[in-house]
Amino acid sequence: IDVAQRKAYQSINLVLVQRNWLLGKRIAEEVMQGEDRAEYGAKVI
C-alpha cells in the first residue's frame, strides 16, 4: 500500500510540476511582448 501510494503521488507530482512550469513559461512568453514588462505582466496575470 505504501509503495503504491508513493508511486501514485510521484506520477501526479511529475505532471503537476510540468504543468506549473509550462504555465510559467507561457506567461513569460506573453510578458516579453509588452513594452513595459512589469506593468504588462501584472495586467496579464
All heavy atoms as atom14 arrays in JSON, in Angstrom:
{
  "sequence": "IDVAQRKAYQSINLVLVQRNWLLGKRIAEEVMQGEDRAEYGAKVI",
  "atom14_mask": [
    [1, 1, 1, 1, 1, 1, 1, 1, 0, 0, 0, 0, 0, 0],
    [1, 1, 1, 1, 1, 1, 1, 1, 0, 0, 0, 0, 0, 0],
    [1, 1, 1, 1, 1, 1, 1, 0, 0, 0, 0, 0, 0, 0],
    [1, 1, 1, 1, 1, 0, 0, 0, 0, 0, 0, 0, 0, 0],
    [1, 1, 1, 1, 1, 1, 1, 1, 1, 0, 0, 0, 0, 0],
    [1, 1, 1, 1, 1, 1, 1, 1, 1, 1, 1, 0, 0, 0],
    [1, 1, 1, 1, 1, 1, 1, 1, 1, 0, 0, 0, 0, 0],
    [1, 1, 1, 1, 1, 0, 0, 0, 0, 0, 0, 0, 0, 0],
    [1, 1, 1, 1, 1, 1, 1, 1, 1, 1, 1, 1, 0, 0],
    [1, 1, 1, 1, 1, 1, 1, 1, 1, 0, 0, 0, 0, 0],
    [1, 1, 1, 1, 1, 1, 0, 0, 0, 0, 0, 0, 0, 0],
    [1, 1, 1, 1, 1, 1, 1, 1, 0, 0, 0, 0, 0, 0],
    [1, 1, 1, 1, 1, 1, 1, 1, 0, 0, 0, 0, 0, 0],
    [1, 1, 1, 1, 1, 1, 1, 1, 0, 0, 0, 0, 0, 0],
    [1, 1, 1, 1, 1, 1, 1, 0, 0, 0, 0, 0, 0, 0],
    [1, 1, 1, 1, 1, 1, 1, 1, 0, 0, 0, 0, 0, 0],
    [1, 1, 1, 1, 1, 1, 1, 0, 0, 0, 0, 0, 0, 0],
    [1, 1, 1, 1, 1, 1, 1, 1, 1, 0, 0, 0, 0, 0],
    [1, 1, 1, 1, 1, 1, 1, 1, 1, 1, 1, 0, 0, 0],
    [1, 1, 1, 1, 1, 1, 1, 1, 0, 0, 0, 0, 0, 0],
    [1, 1, 1, 1, 1, 1, 1, 1, 1, 1, 1, 1, 1, 1],
    [1, 1, 1, 1, 1, 1, 1, 1, 0, 0, 0, 0, 0, 0],
    [1, 1, 1, 1, 1, 1, 1, 1, 0, 0, 0, 0, 0, 0],
    [1, 1, 1, 1, 0, 0, 0, 0, 0, 0, 0, 0, 0, 0],
    [1, 1, 1, 1, 1, 1, 1, 1, 1, 0, 0, 0, 0, 0],
    [1, 1, 1, 1, 1, 1, 1, 1, 1, 1, 1, 0, 0, 0],
    [1, 1, 1, 1, 1, 1, 1, 1, 0, 0, 0, 0, 0, 0],
    [1, 1, 1, 1, 1, 0, 0, 0, 0, 0, 0, 0, 0, 0],
    [1, 1, 1, 1, 1, 1, 1, 1, 1, 0, 0, 0, 0, 0],
    [1, 1, 1, 1, 1, 1, 1, 1, 1, 0, 0, 0, 0, 0],
    [1, 1, 1, 1, 1, 1, 1, 0, 0, 0, 0, 0, 0, 0],
    [1, 1, 1, 1, 1, 1, 1, 1, 0, 0, 0, 0, 0, 0],
    [1, 1, 1, 1, 1, 1, 1, 1, 1, 0, 0, 0, 0, 0],
    [1, 1, 1, 1, 0, 0, 0, 0, 0, 0, 0, 0, 0, 0],
    [1, 1, 1, 1, 1, 1, 1, 1, 1, 0, 0, 0, 0, 0],
    [1, 1, 1, 1, 1, 1, 1, 1, 0, 0, 0, 0, 0, 0],
    [1, 1, 1, 1, 1, 1, 1, 1, 1, 1, 1, 0, 0, 0],
    [1, 1, 1, 1, 1, 0, 0, 0, 0, 0, 0, 0, 0, 0],
    [1, 1, 1, 1, 1, 1, 1, 1, 1, 0, 0, 0, 0, 0],
    [1, 1, 1, 1, 1, 1, 1, 1, 1, 1, 1, 1, 0, 0],
    [1, 1, 1, 1, 0, 0, 0, 0, 0, 0, 0, 0, 0, 0],
    [1, 1, 1, 1, 1, 0, 0, 0, 0, 0, 0, 0, 0, 0],
    [1, 1, 1, 1, 1, 1, 1, 1, 1, 0, 0, 0, 0, 0],
    [1, 1, 1, 1, 1, 1, 1, 0, 0, 0, 0, 0, 0, 0],
    [1, 1, 1, 1, 1, 1, 1, 1, 0, 0, 0, 0, 0, 0]
  ],
  "atom14_positions": [
    [[0.83, -1.21, 0.0], [0.0, 0.0, 0.0], [0.86, 1.25, 0.0], [0.63, 2.19, -0.77], [-0.95, 0.0, 1.22], [-1.98, -1.13, 1.07], [-1.65, 1.35, 1.38], [-2.79, -1.39, 2.32], [0.0, 0.0, 0.0], [0.0, 0.0, 0.0], [0.0, 0.0, 0.0], [0.0, 0.0, 0.0], [0.0, 0.0, 0.0], [0.0, 0.0, 0.0]],
    [[1.9, 1.29, 0.86], [2.77, 2.45, 0.95], [3.48, 2.72, -0.37], [3.56, 3.87, -0.84], [3.82, 2.25, 2.05], [3.21, 2.33, 3.44], [2.06, 2.81, 3.55], [3.87, 1.91, 4.41], [0.0, 0.0, 0.0], [0.0, 0.0, 0.0], [0.0, 0.0, 0.0], [0.0, 0.0, 0.0], [0.0, 0.0, 0.0], [0.0, 0.0, 0.0]],
    [[4.02, 1.66, -0.99], [4.74, 1.83, -2.27], [3.78, 2.31, -3.35], [4.12, 3.19, -4.16], [5.41, 0.51, -2.68], [6.0, 0.63, -4.1], [6.52, 0.14, -1.7], [0.0, 0.0, 0.0], [0.0, 0.0, 0.0], [0.0, 0.0, 0.0], [0.0, 0.0, 0.0], [0.0, 0.0, 0.0], [0.0, 0.0, 0.0], [0.0, 0.0, 0.0]],
    [[2.56, 1.74, -3.38], [1.58, 2.15, -4.4], [1.21, 3.61, -4.24], [1.11, 4.36, -5.22], [0.33, 1.27, -4.29], [0.0, 0.0, 0.0], [0.0, 0.0, 0.0], [0.0, 0.0, 0.0], [0.0, 0.0, 0.0], [0.0, 0.0, 0.0], [0.0, 0.0, 0.0], [0.0, 0.0, 0.0], [0.0, 0.0, 0.0], [0.0, 0.0, 0.0]],
    [[1.0, 4.04, -2.99], [0.65, 5.44, -2.75], [1.76, 6.37, -3.19], [1.52, 7.42, -3.79], [0.34, 5.64, -1.27], [-0.98, 5.04, -0.82], [-1.21, 5.17, 0.67], [-0.27, 5.21, 1.46], [-2.47, 5.23, 1.07], [0.0, 0.0, 0.0], [0.0, 0.0, 0.0], [0.0, 0.0, 0.0], [0.0, 0.0, 0.0], [0.0, 0.0, 0.0]],
    [[3.0, 6.0, -2.89], [4.13, 6.85, -3.26], [4.31, 6.91, -4.77], [4.62, 7.97, -5.32], [5.41, 6.35, -2.59], [5.4, 6.58, -1.09], [6.73, 6.28, -0.44], [6.64, 6.56, 0.99], [6.74, 7.76, 1.53], [6.95, 8.82, 0.75], [6.65, 7.94, 2.83], [0.0, 0.0, 0.0], [0.0, 0.0, 0.0], [0.0, 0.0, 0.0]],
    [[4.13, 5.8, -5.44], [4.25, 5.81, -6.9], [3.16, 6.66, -7.53], [3.39, 7.39, -8.5], [4.21, 4.38, -7.44], [5.51, 3.59, -7.21], [5.44, 2.23, -7.86], [6.78, 1.5, -7.73], [7.83, 2.15, -8.54], [0.0, 0.0, 0.0], [0.0, 0.0, 0.0], [0.0, 0.0, 0.0], [0.0, 0.0, 0.0], [0.0, 0.0, 0.0]],
    [[1.94, 6.56, -6.97], [0.84, 7.38, -7.49], [1.14, 8.85, -7.26], [0.93, 9.69, -8.16], [-0.47, 7.0, -6.79], [0.0, 0.0, 0.0], [0.0, 0.0, 0.0], [0.0, 0.0, 0.0], [0.0, 0.0, 0.0], [0.0, 0.0, 0.0], [0.0, 0.0, 0.0], [0.0, 0.0, 0.0], [0.0, 0.0, 0.0], [0.0, 0.0, 0.0]],
    [[1.65, 9.19, -6.08], [1.99, 10.58, -5.78], [3.08, 11.09, -6.71], [3.01, 12.21, -7.22], [2.45, 10.71, -4.33], [3.0, 12.07, -4.0], [2.16, 13.17, -3.83], [4.38, 12.28, -3.88], [2.66, 14.42, -3.55], [4.89, 13.54, -3.6], [4.03, 14.6, -3.43], [4.52, 15.84, -3.16], [0.0, 0.0, 0.0], [0.0, 0.0, 0.0]],
    [[4.11, 10.26, -6.94], [5.21, 10.67, -7.81], [4.72, 10.96, -9.23], [5.16, 11.91, -9.87], [6.28, 9.59, -7.83], [7.06, 9.5, -6.52], [7.9, 8.22, -6.41], [7.88, 7.38, -7.31], [8.61, 8.08, -5.31], [0.0, 0.0, 0.0], [0.0, 0.0, 0.0], [0.0, 0.0, 0.0], [0.0, 0.0, 0.0], [0.0, 0.0, 0.0]],
    [[3.79, 10.13, -9.71], [3.25, 10.35, -11.05], [2.46, 11.64, -11.13], [2.6, 12.43, -12.06], [2.35, 9.17, -11.45], [3.09, 7.97, -11.5], [0.0, 0.0, 0.0], [0.0, 0.0, 0.0], [0.0, 0.0, 0.0], [0.0, 0.0, 0.0], [0.0, 0.0, 0.0], [0.0, 0.0, 0.0], [0.0, 0.0, 0.0], [0.0, 0.0, 0.0]],
    [[1.61, 11.87, -10.11], [0.82, 13.11, -10.07], [1.75, 14.32, -9.96], [1.56, 15.33, -10.64], [-0.17, 13.08, -8.89], [-1.21, 11.99, -9.1], [-0.86, 14.43, -8.73], [-2.05, 11.71, -7.88], [0.0, 0.0, 0.0], [0.0, 0.0, 0.0], [0.0, 0.0, 0.0], [0.0, 0.0, 0.0], [0.0, 0.0, 0.0], [0.0, 0.0, 0.0]],
    [[2.76, 14.2, -9.11], [3.67, 15.32, -8.9], [4.41, 15.69, -10.17], [4.6, 16.87, -10.47], [4.67, 14.98, -7.8], [5.65, 16.11, -7.56], [5.28, 17.17, -7.11], [6.9, 15.89, -7.92], [0.0, 0.0, 0.0], [0.0, 0.0, 0.0], [0.0, 0.0, 0.0], [0.0, 0.0, 0.0], [0.0, 0.0, 0.0], [0.0, 0.0, 0.0]],
    [[4.84, 14.69, -10.94], [5.56, 14.97, -12.18], [4.71, 15.81, -13.12], [5.17, 16.8, -13.69], [5.96, 13.65, -12.86], [6.6, 13.79, -14.25], [7.93, 14.52, -14.15], [6.8, 12.42, -14.88], [0.0, 0.0, 0.0], [0.0, 0.0, 0.0], [0.0, 0.0, 0.0], [0.0, 0.0, 0.0], [0.0, 0.0, 0.0], [0.0, 0.0, 0.0]],
    [[3.44, 15.44, -13.24], [2.53, 16.17, -14.13], [2.25, 17.57, -13.57], [2.21, 18.55, -14.32], [1.21, 15.4, -14.32], [0.23, 16.2, -15.16], [1.48, 14.04, -14.97], [0.0, 0.0, 0.0], [0.0, 0.0, 0.0], [0.0, 0.0, 0.0], [0.0, 0.0, 0.0], [0.0, 0.0, 0.0], [0.0, 0.0, 0.0], [0.0, 0.0, 0.0]],
    [[2.09, 17.67, -12.25], [1.8, 18.96, -11.62], [2.97, 19.93, -11.81], [2.78, 21.1, -12.16], [1.51, 18.76, -10.14], [1.3, 20.02, -9.29], [0.13, 20.84, -9.82], [1.09, 19.66, -7.83], [0.0, 0.0, 0.0], [0.0, 0.0, 0.0], [0.0, 0.0, 0.0], [0.0, 0.0, 0.0], [0.0, 0.0, 0.0], [0.0, 0.0, 0.0]],
    [[4.19, 19.45, -11.56], [5.37, 20.3, -11.72], [5.52, 20.74, -13.18], [5.8, 21.9, -13.47], [6.64, 19.57, -11.24], [7.9, 20.36, -11.61], [6.6, 19.35, -9.74], [0.0, 0.0, 0.0], [0.0, 0.0, 0.0], [0.0, 0.0, 0.0], [0.0, 0.0, 0.0], [0.0, 0.0, 0.0], [0.0, 0.0, 0.0], [0.0, 0.0, 0.0]],
    [[5.31, 19.8, -14.1], [5.42, 20.14, -15.52], [4.35, 21.16, -15.91], [4.63, 22.12, -16.64], [5.29, 18.9, -16.38], [5.49, 19.2, -17.87], [5.36, 17.96, -18.73], [4.91, 16.92, -18.26], [5.73, 18.06, -19.98], [0.0, 0.0, 0.0], [0.0, 0.0, 0.0], [0.0, 0.0, 0.0], [0.0, 0.0, 0.0], [0.0, 0.0, 0.0]],
    [[3.13, 20.95, -15.43], [2.05, 21.9, -15.75], [2.4, 23.3, -15.28], [2.27, 24.28, -16.03], [0.75, 21.45, -15.09], [-0.45, 22.34, -15.43], [-1.54, 22.28, -14.38], [-1.18, 22.97, -13.14], [-2.03, 23.18, -12.13], [-3.27, 22.75, -12.21], [-1.63, 23.81, -11.03], [0.0, 0.0, 0.0], [0.0, 0.0, 0.0], [0.0, 0.0, 0.0]],
    [[2.84, 23.42, -14.02], [3.13, 24.74, -13.46], [4.32, 25.4, -14.17], [4.33, 26.62, -14.36], [3.38, 24.63, -11.96], [2.14, 24.22, -11.2], [1.03, 24.22, -11.75], [2.28, 23.87, -9.95], [0.0, 0.0, 0.0], [0.0, 0.0, 0.0], [0.0, 0.0, 0.0], [0.0, 0.0, 0.0], [0.0, 0.0, 0.0], [0.0, 0.0, 0.0]],
    [[5.3, 24.61, -14.55], [6.46, 25.13, -15.28], [6.04, 25.64, -16.66], [6.44, 26.72, -17.09], [7.51, 24.04, -15.42], [8.81, 24.48, -16.02], [9.87, 25.03, -15.38], [9.19, 24.38, -17.4], [10.9, 25.29, -16.27], [10.5, 24.9, -17.52], [8.56, 23.9, -18.55], [11.19, 24.95, -18.73], [9.23, 23.95, -19.76], [10.53, 24.47, -19.85]],
    [[5.19, 24.89, -17.34], [4.72, 25.29, -18.67], [3.82, 26.52, -18.59], [3.87, 27.4, -19.46], [3.97, 24.14, -19.34], [4.84, 22.98, -19.83], [3.98, 21.8, -20.26], [5.72, 23.44, -20.99], [0.0, 0.0, 0.0], [0.0, 0.0, 0.0], [0.0, 0.0, 0.0], [0.0, 0.0, 0.0], [0.0, 0.0, 0.0], [0.0, 0.0, 0.0]],
    [[2.98, 26.59, -17.55], [2.15, 27.79, -17.37], [3.03, 29.01, -17.14], [2.79, 30.08, -17.7], [1.21, 27.59, -16.18], [0.05, 26.61, -16.38], [-0.7, 26.4, -15.07], [-0.9, 27.08, -17.46], [0.0, 0.0, 0.0], [0.0, 0.0, 0.0], [0.0, 0.0, 0.0], [0.0, 0.0, 0.0], [0.0, 0.0, 0.0], [0.0, 0.0, 0.0]],
    [[4.08, 28.84, -16.32], [5.01, 29.94, -16.09], [5.75, 30.33, -17.35], [5.97, 31.52, -17.62], [0.0, 0.0, 0.0], [0.0, 0.0, 0.0], [0.0, 0.0, 0.0], [0.0, 0.0, 0.0], [0.0, 0.0, 0.0], [0.0, 0.0, 0.0], [0.0, 0.0, 0.0], [0.0, 0.0, 0.0], [0.0, 0.0, 0.0], [0.0, 0.0, 0.0]],
    [[6.11, 29.35, -18.15], [6.81, 29.6, -19.42], [5.92, 30.4, -20.37], [6.36, 31.36, -21.01], [7.21, 28.28, -20.07], [7.98, 28.41, -21.38], [8.42, 27.01, -21.85], [9.31, 27.1, -23.09], [8.6, 27.55, -24.29], [0.0, 0.0, 0.0], [0.0, 0.0, 0.0], [0.0, 0.0, 0.0], [0.0, 0.0, 0.0], [0.0, 0.0, 0.0]],
    [[4.64, 30.0, -20.42], [3.71, 30.69, -21.32], [3.47, 32.12, -20.86], [3.37, 33.05, -21.7], [2.39, 29.93, -21.39], [1.4, 30.53, -22.37], [1.93, 30.46, -23.79], [1.03, 31.14, -24.73], [1.1, 32.42, -25.05], [2.03, 33.2, -24.49], [0.26, 32.95, -25.92], [0.0, 0.0, 0.0], [0.0, 0.0, 0.0], [0.0, 0.0, 0.0]],
    [[3.38, 32.34, -19.55], [3.22, 33.7, -19.04], [4.44, 34.54, -19.4], [4.33, 35.69, -19.83], [3.02, 33.68, -17.51], [1.67, 33.05, -17.16], [3.09, 35.1, -16.94], [1.47, 32.81, -15.67], [0.0, 0.0, 0.0], [0.0, 0.0, 0.0], [0.0, 0.0, 0.0], [0.0, 0.0, 0.0], [0.0, 0.0, 0.0], [0.0, 0.0, 0.0]],
    [[5.63, 33.96, -19.23], [6.87, 34.67, -19.54], [6.92, 35.06, -21.01], [7.34, 36.18, -21.37], [8.08, 33.81, -19.18], [0.0, 0.0, 0.0], [0.0, 0.0, 0.0], [0.0, 0.0, 0.0], [0.0, 0.0, 0.0], [0.0, 0.0, 0.0], [0.0, 0.0, 0.0], [0.0, 0.0, 0.0], [0.0, 0.0, 0.0], [0.0, 0.0, 0.0]],
    [[6.49, 34.16, -21.88], [6.47, 34.45, -23.32], [5.53, 35.6, -23.63], [5.82, 36.45, -24.49], [6.05, 33.2, -24.09], [7.09, 32.08, -24.04], [6.56, 30.77, -24.6], [5.32, 30.63, -24.72], [7.38, 29.89, -24.89], [0.0, 0.0, 0.0], [0.0, 0.0, 0.0], [0.0, 0.0, 0.0], [0.0, 0.0, 0.0], [0.0, 0.0, 0.0]],
    [[4.41, 35.64, -22.92], [3.42, 36.7, -23.15], [3.95, 38.04, -22.63], [3.8, 39.07, -23.29], [2.11, 36.35, -22.45], [0.97, 37.3, -22.73], [0.47, 37.2, -24.17], [0.76, 36.18, -24.84], [-0.2, 38.15, -24.62], [0.0, 0.0, 0.0], [0.0, 0.0, 0.0], [0.0, 0.0, 0.0], [0.0, 0.0, 0.0], [0.0, 0.0, 0.0]],
    [[4.56, 38.01, -21.45], [5.08, 39.24, -20.83], [6.18, 39.86, -21.68], [6.3, 41.09, -21.76], [5.6, 38.94, -19.4], [6.35, 40.15, -18.83], [4.44, 38.57, -18.48], [0.0, 0.0, 0.0], [0.0, 0.0, 0.0], [0.0, 0.0, 0.0], [0.0, 0.0, 0.0], [0.0, 0.0, 0.0], [0.0, 0.0, 0.0], [0.0, 0.0, 0.0]],
    [[6.97, 39.03, -22.36], [8.07, 39.53, -23.18], [7.57, 40.42, -24.32], [8.31, 41.24, -24.85], [8.85, 38.35, -23.78], [9.7, 37.59, -22.78], [11.09, 38.55, -22.16], [12.12, 38.59, -23.62], [0.0, 0.0, 0.0], [0.0, 0.0, 0.0], [0.0, 0.0, 0.0], [0.0, 0.0, 0.0], [0.0, 0.0, 0.0], [0.0, 0.0, 0.0]],
    [[6.29, 40.28, -24.68], [5.74, 41.06, -25.78], [5.42, 42.5, -25.38], [5.24, 43.37, -26.23], [4.47, 40.39, -26.31], [4.71, 39.0, -26.88], [3.42, 38.36, -27.36], [2.41, 39.04, -27.56], [3.43, 37.05, -27.55], [0.0, 0.0, 0.0], [0.0, 0.0, 0.0], [0.0, 0.0, 0.0], [0.0, 0.0, 0.0], [0.0, 0.0, 0.0]],
    [[5.31, 42.75, -24.08], [4.93, 44.08, -23.63], [6.11, 45.02, -23.54], [7.23, 44.62, -23.21], [0.0, 0.0, 0.0], [0.0, 0.0, 0.0], [0.0, 0.0, 0.0], [0.0, 0.0, 0.0], [0.0, 0.0, 0.0], [0.0, 0.0, 0.0], [0.0, 0.0, 0.0], [0.0, 0.0, 0.0], [0.0, 0.0, 0.0], [0.0, 0.0, 0.0]],
    [[5.88, 46.28, -23.84], [6.95, 47.27, -23.76], [7.33, 47.54, -22.3], [8.5, 47.5, -21.93], [6.51, 48.57, -24.45], [6.33, 48.41, -25.96], [5.96, 49.72, -26.63], [5.94, 50.77, -25.93], [5.7, 49.71, -27.85], [0.0, 0.0, 0.0], [0.0, 0.0, 0.0], [0.0, 0.0, 0.0], [0.0, 0.0, 0.0], [0.0, 0.0, 0.0]],
    [[6.34, 47.86, -21.49], [6.57, 47.99, -20.06], [6.24, 46.64, -19.44], [5.11, 46.35, -19.07], [5.67, 49.08, -19.46], [6.01, 49.38, -18.01], [6.59, 48.49, -17.36], [5.71, 50.48, -17.54], [0.0, 0.0, 0.0], [0.0, 0.0, 0.0], [0.0, 0.0, 0.0], [0.0, 0.0, 0.0], [0.0, 0.0, 0.0], [0.0, 0.0, 0.0]],
    [[7.26, 45.77, -19.32], [7.01, 44.38, -18.99], [6.41, 44.18, -17.6], [5.56, 43.31, -17.41], [8.31, 43.58, -19.13], [8.77, 43.49, -20.58], [10.11, 42.81, -20.71], [10.57, 42.84, -22.1], [11.77, 42.43, -22.5], [12.63, 41.96, -21.62], [12.11, 42.49, -23.77], [0.0, 0.0, 0.0], [0.0, 0.0, 0.0], [0.0, 0.0, 0.0]],
    [[6.85, 44.96, -16.64], [6.33, 44.81, -15.28], [4.84, 45.15, -15.23], [4.03, 44.39, -14.7], [7.11, 45.69, -14.32], [0.0, 0.0, 0.0], [0.0, 0.0, 0.0], [0.0, 0.0, 0.0], [0.0, 0.0, 0.0], [0.0, 0.0, 0.0], [0.0, 0.0, 0.0], [0.0, 0.0, 0.0], [0.0, 0.0, 0.0], [0.0, 0.0, 0.0]],
    [[4.48, 46.29, -15.83], [3.08, 46.71, -15.83], [2.23, 45.77, -16.69], [1.13, 45.38, -16.29], [2.97, 48.14, -16.36], [1.54, 48.69, -16.33], [1.46, 50.12, -16.81], [2.53, 50.78, -16.94], [0.33, 50.59, -17.07], [0.0, 0.0, 0.0], [0.0, 0.0, 0.0], [0.0, 0.0, 0.0], [0.0, 0.0, 0.0], [0.0, 0.0, 0.0]],
    [[2.75, 45.4, -17.85], [2.02, 44.5, -18.74], [1.85, 43.12, -18.09], [0.79, 42.49, -18.18], [2.75, 44.36, -20.06], [2.03, 43.48, -21.07], [0.8, 43.86, -21.6], [2.59, 42.27, -21.48], [0.14, 43.05, -22.52], [1.93, 41.46, -22.4], [0.71, 41.86, -22.91], [0.06, 41.06, -23.81], [0.0, 0.0, 0.0], [0.0, 0.0, 0.0]],
    [[2.91, 42.65, -17.41], [2.84, 41.36, -16.74], [1.78, 41.32, -15.66], [1.06, 40.33, -15.51], [0.0, 0.0, 0.0], [0.0, 0.0, 0.0], [0.0, 0.0, 0.0], [0.0, 0.0, 0.0], [0.0, 0.0, 0.0], [0.0, 0.0, 0.0], [0.0, 0.0, 0.0], [0.0, 0.0, 0.0], [0.0, 0.0, 0.0], [0.0, 0.0, 0.0]],
    [[1.66, 42.42, -14.91], [0.64, 42.49, -13.87], [-0.76, 42.42, -14.47], [-1.65, 41.74, -13.93], [0.81, 43.78, -13.07], [0.0, 0.0, 0.0], [0.0, 0.0, 0.0], [0.0, 0.0, 0.0], [0.0, 0.0, 0.0], [0.0, 0.0, 0.0], [0.0, 0.0, 0.0], [0.0, 0.0, 0.0], [0.0, 0.0, 0.0], [0.0, 0.0, 0.0]],
    [[-0.96, 43.09, -15.6], [-2.26, 43.06, -16.27], [-2.57, 41.66, -16.8], [-3.7, 41.18, -16.7], [-2.28, 44.07, -17.43], [-2.27, 45.52, -16.98], [-2.3, 46.46, -18.19], [-2.31, 47.92, -17.76], [-2.31, 48.84, -18.92], [0.0, 0.0, 0.0], [0.0, 0.0, 0.0], [0.0, 0.0, 0.0], [0.0, 0.0, 0.0], [0.0, 0.0, 0.0]],
    [[-1.56, 41.01, -17.37], [-1.75, 39.65, -17.9], [-2.14, 38.69, -16.79], [-3.1, 37.92, -16.91], [-0.46, 39.16, -18.59], [-0.54, 37.66, -18.87], [-0.23, 39.92, -19.88], [0.0, 0.0, 0.0], [0.0, 0.0, 0.0], [0.0, 0.0, 0.0], [0.0, 0.0, 0.0], [0.0, 0.0, 0.0], [0.0, 0.0, 0.0], [0.0, 0.0, 0.0]],
    [[-1.42, 38.74, -15.68], [-1.69, 37.82, -14.58], [-3.05, 38.11, -13.95], [-3.79, 37.18, -13.59], [-0.55, 37.9, -13.54], [0.69, 37.2, -14.11], [-0.98, 37.27, -12.21], [1.9, 37.25, -13.23], [0.0, 0.0, 0.0], [0.0, 0.0, 0.0], [0.0, 0.0, 0.0], [0.0, 0.0, 0.0], [0.0, 0.0, 0.0], [0.0, 0.0, 0.0]]
  ]
}
